[in-house]
Amino acid sequence: MLRKTLVIAAAIIAIPFVIALFIQKDYLVTRTLTIDRPIAEVFYYVNYLKNQDNVSKWAQKDLDMVKSYRGTDATVVFVSA
């Protein structure tokens, strides 16, 4: 009885590993979003890190989040924390 139970348990554990050998390993997820604005206007908006809070899910969920900024926004040395 114990041996039969161990064989069944081993088979249940081994089945997902055997199936994983034959499943396709590469996959691709593609999402598209159409922004009906000129490219220059979109670039100007996303170039500023402070604007990213308007679309950030985490910033919208955590209203008590403390944000700090150093430097001039839209420059290479700007730091958002």
PDB file of N, CA and C in Angstrom:
ATOM      1  N   MET A   1       0.819  -1.186   0.000  1.00  0.00           N
ATOM      2  CA  MET A   1       0.000   0.000   0.000  1.00  0.00           C
ATOM      3  C   MET A   1       0.873   1.264   0.000  1.00  0.00           C
ATOM      4  N   LEU A   2       1.921   1.267   0.835  1.00  0.00           N
ATOM      5  CA  LEU A   2       2.821   2.414   0.915  1.00  0.00           C
ATOM      6  C   LEU A   2       3.557   2.617  -0.401  1.00  0.00           C
ATOM      7  N   ARG A   3       3.979   1.501  -0.993  1.00  0.00           N
ATOM      8  CA  ARG A   3       4.699   1.594  -2.256  1.00  0.00           C
ATOM      9  C   ARG A   3       3.802   2.166  -3.357  1.00  0.00           C
ATOM     10  N   LYS A   4       2.564   1.736  -3.398  1.00  0.00           N
ATOM     11  CA  LYS A   4       1.606   2.219  -4.389  1.00  0.00           C
ATOM     12  C   LYS A   4       1.353   3.723  -4.203  1.00  0.00           C
ATOM     13  N   THR A   5       1.245   4.148  -2.964  1.00  0.00           N
ATOM     14  CA  THR A   5       1.034   5.570  -2.662  1.00  0.00           C
ATOM     15  C   THR A   5       2.240   6.394  -3.087  1.00  0.00           C
ATOM     16  N   LEU A   6       3.438   5.902  -2.842  1.00  0.00           N
ATOM     17  CA  LEU A   6       4.645   6.618  -3.251  1.00  0.00           C
ATOM     18  C   LEU A   6       4.763   6.715  -4.768  1.00  0.00           C
ATOM     19  N   VAL A   7       4.407   5.652  -5.474  1.00  0.00           N
ATOM     20  CA  VAL A   7       4.459   5.670  -6.935  1.00  0.00           C
ATOM     21  C   VAL A   7       3.463   6.690  -7.482  1.00  0.00           C
ATOM     22  N   ILE A   8       2.265   6.736  -6.927  1.00  0.00           N
ATOM     23  CA  ILE A   8       1.254   7.695  -7.376  1.00  0.00           C
ATOM     24  C   ILE A   8       1.714   9.128  -7.074  1.00  0.00           C
ATOM     25  N   ALA A   9       2.261   9.354  -5.889  1.00  0.00           N
ATOM     26  CA  ALA A   9       2.751  10.683  -5.519  1.00  0.00           C
ATOM     27  C   ALA A   9       3.892  11.100  -6.445  1.00  0.00           C
ATOM     28  N   ALA A  10       4.806  10.198  -6.744  1.00  0.00           N
ATOM     29  CA  ALA A  10       5.923  10.498  -7.641  1.00  0.00           C
ATOM     30  C   ALA A  10       5.406  10.819  -9.043  1.00  0.00           C
ATOM     31  N   ALA A  11       4.393  10.093  -9.490  1.00  0.00           N
ATOM     32  CA  ALA A  11       3.827  10.348 -10.816  1.00  0.00           C
ATOM     33  C   ALA A  11       3.165  11.726 -10.861  1.00  0.00           C
ATOM     34  N   ILE A  12       2.450  12.073  -9.797  1.00  0.00           N
ATOM     35  CA  ILE A  12       1.797  13.387  -9.750  1.00  0.00           C
ATOM     36  C   ILE A  12       2.829  14.505  -9.762  1.00  0.00           C
ATOM     37  N   ILE A  13       3.931  14.314  -9.077  1.00  0.00           N
ATOM     38  CA  ILE A  13       4.995  15.313  -9.060  1.00  0.00           C
ATOM     39  C   ILE A  13       5.731  15.360 -10.398  1.00  0.00           C
ATOM     40  N   ALA A  14       5.933  14.228 -11.040  1.00  0.00           N
ATOM     41  CA  ALA A  14       6.716  14.154 -12.272  1.00  0.00           C
ATOM     42  C   ALA A  14       5.945  14.623 -13.503  1.00  0.00           C
ATOM     43  N   ILE A  15       4.639  14.510 -13.504  1.00  0.00           N
ATOM     44  CA  ILE A  15       3.842  14.847 -14.690  1.00  0.00           C
ATOM     45  C   ILE A  15       4.071  16.295 -15.141  1.00  0.00           C
ATOM     46  N   PRO A  16       4.030  17.314 -14.263  1.00  0.00           N
ATOM     47  CA  PRO A  16       4.278  18.684 -14.754  1.00  0.00           C
ATOM     48  C   PRO A  16       5.675  18.860 -15.356  1.00  0.00           C
ATOM     49  N   PHE A  17       6.667  18.163 -14.818  1.00  0.00           N
ATOM     50  CA  PHE A  17       8.025  18.275 -15.365  1.00  0.00           C
ATOM     51  C   PHE A  17       8.125  17.632 -16.745  1.00  0.00           C
ATOM     52  N   VAL A  18       7.456  16.538 -16.945  1.00  0.00           N
ATOM     53  CA  VAL A  18       7.461  15.876 -18.255  1.00  0.00           C
ATOM     54  C   VAL A  18       6.711  16.738 -19.264  1.00  0.00           C
ATOM     55  N   ILE A  19       5.591  17.301 -18.852  1.00  0.00           N
ATOM     56  CA  ILE A  19       4.830  18.172 -19.748  1.00  0.00           C
ATOM     57  C   ILE A  19       5.658  19.402 -20.115  1.00  0.00           C
ATOM     58  N   ALA A  20       6.419  19.939 -19.165  1.00  0.00           N
ATOM     59  CA  ALA A  20       7.236  21.133 -19.415  1.00  0.00           C
ATOM     60  C   ALA A  20       8.302  20.887 -20.476  1.00  0.00           C
ATOM     61  N   LEU A  21       8.722  19.650 -20.653  1.00  0.00           N
ATOM     62  CA  LEU A  21       9.714  19.337 -21.679  1.00  0.00           C
ATOM     63  C   LEU A  21       9.173  19.566 -23.088  1.00  0.00           C
ATOM     64  N   PHE A  22       7.865  19.457 -23.260  1.00  0.00           N
ATOM     65  CA  PHE A  22       7.268  19.515 -24.591  1.00  0.00           C
ATOM     66  C   PHE A  22       6.534  20.816 -24.875  1.00  0.00           C
ATOM     67  N   ILE A  23       6.432  21.693 -23.915  1.00  0.00           N
ATOM     68  CA  ILE A  23       5.746  22.966 -24.111  1.00  0.00           C
ATOM     69  C   ILE A  23       6.703  23.960 -24.757  1.00  0.00           C
ATOM     70  N   GLN A  24       6.158  24.811 -25.620  1.00  0.00           N
ATOM     71  CA  GLN A  24       6.968  25.826 -26.284  1.00  0.00           C
ATOM     72  C   GLN A  24       7.565  26.767 -25.236  1.00  0.00           C
ATOM     73  N   LYS A  25       8.852  27.021 -25.348  1.00  0.00           N
ATOM     74  CA  LYS A  25       9.558  27.796 -24.337  1.00  0.00           C
ATOM     75  C   LYS A  25       9.615  29.288 -24.648  1.00  0.00           C
ATOM     76  N   ASP A  26       9.387  29.670 -25.891  1.00  0.00           N
ATOM     77  CA  ASP A  26       9.418  31.075 -26.273  1.00  0.00           C
ATOM     78  C   ASP A  26       7.991  31.599 -26.411  1.00  0.00           C
ATOM     79  N   TYR A  27       7.787  32.794 -25.941  1.00  0.00           N
ATOM     80  CA  TYR A  27       6.489  33.426 -26.115  1.00  0.00           C
ATOM     81  C   TYR A  27       6.692  34.921 -26.268  1.00  0.00           C
ATOM     82  N   LEU A  28       5.694  35.582 -26.768  1.00  0.00           N
ATOM     83  CA  LEU A  28       5.779  37.003 -27.036  1.00  0.00           C
ATOM     84  C   LEU A  28       4.490  37.662 -26.602  1.00  0.00           C
ATOM     85  N   VAL A  29       4.615  38.724 -25.836  1.00  0.00           N
ATOM     86  CA  VAL A  29       3.467  39.511 -25.424  1.00  0.00           C
ATOM     87  C   VAL A  29       3.610  40.879 -26.062  1.00  0.00           C
ATOM     88  N   THR A  30       2.602  41.290 -26.794  1.00  0.00           N
ATOM     89  CA  THR A  30       2.642  42.564 -27.486  1.00  0.00           C
ATOM     90  C   THR A  30       1.428  43.394 -27.088  1.00  0.00           C
ATOM     91  N   ARG A  31       1.697  44.629 -26.742  1.00  0.00           N
ATOM     92  CA  ARG A  31       0.620  45.568 -26.438  1.00  0.00           C
ATOM     93  C   ARG A  31       0.869  46.830 -27.238  1.00  0.00           C
ATOM     94  N   THR A  32      -0.187  47.411 -27.736  1.00  0.00           N
ATOM     95  CA  THR A  32      -0.055  48.646 -28.481  1.00  0.00           C
ATOM     96  C   THR A  32      -0.981  49.699 -27.897  1.00  0.00           C
ATOM     97  N   LEU A  33      -0.569  50.925 -28.035  1.00  0.00           N
ATOM     98  CA  LEU A  33      -1.356  52.051 -27.573  1.00  0.00           C
ATOM     99  C   LEU A  33      -1.193  53.166 -28.596  1.00  0.00           C
ATOM    100  N   THR A  34      -2.288  53.670 -29.077  1.00  0.00           N
ATOM    101  CA  THR A  34      -2.244  54.751 -30.053  1.00  0.00           C
ATOM    102  C   THR A  34      -2.486  56.067 -29.333  1.00  0.00           C
ATOM    103  N   ILE A  35      -1.542  56.978 -29.462  1.00  0.00           N
ATOM    104  CA  ILE A  35      -1.651  58.302 -28.865  1.00  0.00           C
ATOM    105  C   ILE A  35      -1.898  59.280 -30.005  1.00  0.00           C
ATOM    106  N   ASP A  36      -3.055  59.907 -29.973  1.00  0.00           N
ATOM    107  CA  ASP A  36      -3.456  60.798 -31.065  1.00  0.00           C
ATOM    108  C   ASP A  36      -2.940  62.212 -30.814  1.00  0.00           C
ATOM    109  N   ARG A  37      -1.621  62.332 -30.755  1.00  0.00           N
ATOM    110  CA  ARG A  37      -0.958  63.615 -30.541  1.00  0.00           C
ATOM    111  C   ARG A  37       0.294  63.649 -31.418  1.00  0.00           C
ATOM    112  N   PRO A  38       0.798  64.831 -31.730  1.00  0.00           N
ATOM    113  CA  PRO A  38       2.064  64.921 -32.477  1.00  0.00           C
ATOM    114  C   PRO A  38       3.225  64.354 -31.645  1.00  0.00           C
ATOM    115  N   ILE A  39       4.202  63.804 -32.312  1.00  0.00           N
ATOM    116  CA  ILE A  39       5.344  63.176 -31.649  1.00  0.00           C
ATOM    117  C   ILE A  39       6.070  64.163 -30.745  1.00  0.00           C
ATOM    118  N   ALA A  40       6.244  65.390 -31.192  1.00  0.00           N
ATOM    119  CA  ALA A  40       6.955  66.389 -30.389  1.00  0.00           C
ATOM    120  C   ALA A  40       6.217  66.665 -29.083  1.00  0.00           C
ATOM    121  N   GLU A  41       4.896  66.722 -29.128  1.00  0.00           N
ATOM    122  CA  GLU A  41       4.110  66.976 -27.924  1.00  0.00           C
ATOM    123  C   GLU A  41       4.216  65.817 -26.933  1.00  0.00           C
ATOM    124  N   VAL A  42       4.176  64.587 -27.436  1.00  0.00           N
ATOM    125  CA  VAL A  42       4.305  63.405 -26.577  1.00  0.00           C
ATOM    126  C   VAL A  42       5.700  63.353 -25.966  1.00  0.00           C
ATOM    127  N   PHE A  43       6.717  63.591 -26.764  1.00  0.00           N
ATOM    128  CA  PHE A  43       8.091  63.576 -26.247  1.00  0.00           C
ATOM    129  C   PHE A  43       8.275  64.637 -25.170  1.00  0.00           C
ATOM    130  N   TYR A  44       7.758  65.829 -25.399  1.00  0.00           N
ATOM    131  CA  TYR A  44       7.877  66.910 -24.426  1.00  0.00           C
ATOM    132  C   TYR A  44       7.223  66.496 -23.106  1.00  0.00           C
ATOM    133  N   TYR A  45       6.087  65.812 -23.173  1.00  0.00           N
ATOM    134  CA  TYR A  45       5.373  65.400 -21.962  1.00  0.00           C
ATOM    135  C   TYR A  45       6.131  64.307 -21.197  1.00  0.00           C
ATOM    136  N   VAL A  46       6.555  63.257 -21.876  1.00  0.00           N
ATOM    137  CA  VAL A  46       7.213  62.142 -21.182  1.00  0.00           C
ATOM    138  C   VAL A  46       8.650  62.452 -20.814  1.00  0.00           C
ATOM    139  N   ASN A  47       9.211  63.482 -21.390  1.00  0.00           N
ATOM    140  CA  ASN A  47      10.581  63.875 -21.075  1.00  0.00           C
ATOM    141  C   ASN A  47      10.697  64.378 -19.634  1.00  0.00           C
ATOM    142  N   TYR A  48       9.615  64.864 -19.075  1.00  0.00           N
ATOM    143  CA  TYR A  48       9.601  65.365 -17.703  1.00  0.00           C
ATOM    144  C   TYR A  48       9.159  64.250 -16.754  1.00  0.00           C
ATOM    145  N   LEU A  49      10.039  63.875 -15.823  1.00  0.00           N
ATOM    146  CA  LEU A  49       9.727  62.785 -14.890  1.00  0.00           C
ATOM    147  C   LEU A  49       8.565  63.121 -13.962  1.00  0.00           C
ATOM    148  N   LYS A  50       8.381  64.377 -13.667  1.00  0.00           N
ATOM    149  CA  LYS A  50       7.270  64.759 -12.790  1.00  0.00           C
ATOM    150  C   LYS A  50       5.915  64.440 -13.422  1.00  0.00           C
ATOM    151  N   ASN A  51       5.835  64.414 -14.744  1.00  0.00           N
ATOM    152  CA  ASN A  51       4.589  64.067 -15.430  1.00  0.00           C
ATOM    153  C   ASN A  51       4.256  62.591 -15.304  1.00  0.00           C
ATOM    154  N   GLN A  52       5.229  61.753 -14.993  1.00  0.00           N
ATOM    155  CA  GLN A  52       4.985  60.321 -14.928  1.00  0.00           C
ATOM    156  C   GLN A  52       4.093  59.935 -13.754  1.00  0.00           C
ATOM    157  N   ASP A  53       3.989  60.797 -12.744  1.00  0.00           N
ATOM    158  CA  ASP A  53       3.077  60.525 -11.636  1.00  0.00           C
ATOM    159  C   ASP A  53       1.616  60.541 -12.088  1.00  0.00           C
ATOM    160  N   ASN A  54       1.325  61.214 -13.187  1.00  0.00           N
ATOM    161  CA  ASN A  54      -0.051  61.274 -13.693  1.00  0.00           C
ATOM    162  C   ASN A  54      -0.523  59.937 -14.246  1.00  0.00           C
ATOM    163  N   VAL A  55       0.404  59.069 -14.642  1.00  0.00           N
ATOM    164  CA  VAL A  55       0.031  57.778 -15.215  1.00  0.00           C
ATOM    165  C   VAL A  55       0.562  56.598 -14.407  1.00  0.00           C
ATOM    166  N   SER A  56       1.254  56.871 -13.308  1.00  0.00           N
ATOM    167  CA  SER A  56       1.835  55.808 -12.492  1.00  0.00           C
ATOM    168  C   SER A  56       0.773  55.160 -11.616  1.00  0.00           C
ATOM    169  N   LYS A  57       0.616  53.849 -11.751  1.00  0.00           N
ATOM    170  CA  LYS A  57      -0.345  53.115 -10.913  1.00  0.00           C
ATOM    171  C   LYS A  57       0.042  53.191  -9.446  1.00  0.00           C
ATOM    172  N   TRP A  58       1.350  53.120  -9.149  1.00  0.00           N
ATOM    173  CA  TRP A  58       1.799  53.148  -7.753  1.00  0.00           C
ATOM    174  C   TRP A  58       1.564  54.512  -7.129  1.00  0.00           C
ATOM    175  N   ALA A  59       1.784  55.564  -7.883  1.00  0.00           N
ATOM    176  CA  ALA A  59       1.561  56.907  -7.350  1.00  0.00           C
ATOM    177  C   ALA A  59       0.077  57.150  -7.084  1.00  0.00           C
ATOM    178  N   GLN A  60      -0.778  56.553  -7.896  1.00  0.00           N
ATOM    179  CA  GLN A  60      -2.214  56.709  -7.701  1.00  0.00           C
ATOM    180  C   GLN A  60      -2.716  55.883  -6.522  1.00  0.00           C
ATOM    181  N   LYS A  61      -2.081  54.733  -6.252  1.00  0.00           N
ATOM    182  CA  LYS A  61      -2.510  53.874  -5.149  1.00  0.00           C
ATOM    183  C   LYS A  61      -1.998  54.366  -3.801  1.00  0.00           C
ATOM    184  N   ASP A  62      -0.778  54.866  -3.774  1.00  0.00           N
ATOM    185  CA  ASP A  62      -0.164  55.295  -2.513  1.00  0.00           C
ATOM    186  C   ASP A  62      -0.181  56.814  -2.435  1.00  0.00           C
ATOM    187  N   LEU A  63      -1.251  57.337  -1.857  1.00  0.00           N
ATOM    188  CA  LEU A  63      -1.406  58.781  -1.781  1.00  0.00           C
ATOM    189  C   LEU A  63      -0.472  59.408  -0.748  1.00  0.00           C
ATOM    190  N   ASP A  64       0.073  58.600   0.176  1.00  0.00           N
ATOM    191  CA  ASP A  64       0.986  59.098   1.195  1.00  0.00           C
ATOM    192  C   ASP A  64       2.446  59.024   0.758  1.00  0.00           C
ATOM    193  N   MET A  65       2.692  58.659  -0.480  1.00  0.00           N
ATOM    194  CA  MET A  65       4.062  58.526  -0.978  1.00  0.00           C
ATOM    195  C   MET A  65       4.769  59.882  -0.923  1.00  0.00           C
ATOM    196  N   VAL A  66       5.972  59.866  -0.393  1.00  0.00           N
ATOM    197  CA  VAL A  66       6.772  61.086  -0.322  1.00  0.00           C
ATOM    198  C   VAL A  66       7.726  61.077  -1.512  1.00  0.00           C
ATOM    199  N   LYS A  67       7.659  62.115  -2.322  1.00  0.00           N
ATOM    200  CA  LYS A  67       8.499  62.205  -3.515  1.00  0.00           C
ATOM    201  C   LYS A  67       9.485  63.341  -3.342  1.00  0.00           C
ATOM    202  N   SER A  68      10.690  63.138  -3.835  1.00  0.00           N
ATOM    203  CA  SER A  68      11.686  64.208  -3.803  1.00  0.00           C
ATOM    204  C   SER A  68      12.362  64.278  -5.167  1.00  0.00           C
ATOM    205  N   TYR A  69      12.734  65.463  -5.550  1.00  0.00           N
ATOM    206  CA  TYR A  69      13.358  65.707  -6.841  1.00  0.00           C
ATOM    207  C   TYR A  69      14.618  66.529  -6.626  1.00  0.00           C
ATOM    208  N   ARG A  70      15.656  66.205  -7.412  1.00  0.00           N
ATOM    209  CA  ARG A  70      16.906  66.969  -7.370  1.00  0.00           C
ATOM    210  C   ARG A  70      17.319  67.292  -8.792  1.00  0.00           C
ATOM    211  N   GLY A  71      17.695  68.516  -9.002  1.00  0.00           N
ATOM    212  CA  GLY A  71      18.167  68.921 -10.308  1.00  0.00           C
ATOM    213  C   GLY A  71      17.067  69.546 -11.129  1.00  0.00           C
ATOM    214  N   THR A  72      17.361  69.718 -12.409  1.00  0.00           N
ATOM    215  CA  THR A  72      16.419  70.320 -13.338  1.00  0.00           C
ATOM    216  C   THR A  72      15.742  69.211 -14.125  1.00  0.00           C
ATOM    217  N   ASP A  73      14.416  69.200 -14.070  1.00  0.00           N
ATOM    218  CA  ASP A  73      13.660  68.153 -14.763  1.00  0.00           C
ATOM    219  C   ASP A  73      13.935  68.206 -16.261  1.00  0.00           C
ATOM    220  N   ALA A  74      13.931  67.053 -16.883  1.00  0.00           N
ATOM    221  CA  ALA A  74      14.172  66.856 -18.318  1.00  0.00           C
ATOM    222  C   ALA A  74      15.639  66.998 -18.686  1.00  0.00           C
ATOM    223  N   THR A  75      16.516  66.900 -17.687  1.00  0.00           N
ATOM    224  CA  THR A  75      17.955  66.872 -17.971  1.00  0.00           C
ATOM    225  C   THR A  75      18.503  65.527 -17.531  1.00  0.00           C
ATOM    226  N   VAL A  76      19.697  65.218 -17.948  1.00  0.00           N
ATOM    227  CA  VAL A  76      20.311  63.927 -17.662  1.00  0.00           C
ATOM    228  C   VAL A  76      20.552  63.725 -16.183  1.00  0.00           C
ATOM    229  N   VAL A  77      20.866  64.775 -15.458  1.00  0.00           N
ATOM    230  CA  VAL A  77      21.238  64.647 -14.045  1.00  0.00           C
ATOM    231  C   VAL A  77      20.051  64.773 -13.097  1.00  0.00           C
ATOM    232  N   PHE A  78      18.835  64.867 -13.601  1.00  0.00           N
ATOM    233  CA  PHE A  78      17.652  64.996 -12.747  1.00  0.00           C
ATOM    234  C   PHE A  78      17.413  63.691 -12.011  1.00  0.00           C
ATOM    235  N   VAL A  79      17.111  63.785 -10.713  1.00  0.00           N
ATOM    236  CA  VAL A  79      16.889  62.596  -9.879  1.00  0.00           C
ATOM    237  C   VAL A  79      15.502  62.687  -9.275  1.00  0.00           C
ATOM    238  N   SER A  80      14.741  61.622  -9.448  1.00  0.00           N
ATOM    239  CA  SER A  80      13.418  61.507  -8.850  1.00  0.00           C
ATOM    240  C   SER A  80      13.447  60.347  -7.870  1.00  0.00           C
ATOM    241  N   ALA A  81      13.067  60.630  -6.616  1.00  0.00           N
ATOM    242  CA  ALA A  81      13.092  59.573  -5.596  1.00  0.00           C
ATOM    243  C   ALA A  81      11.817  59.629  -4.786  1.00  0.00           C
TER     244      ALA A  81
END
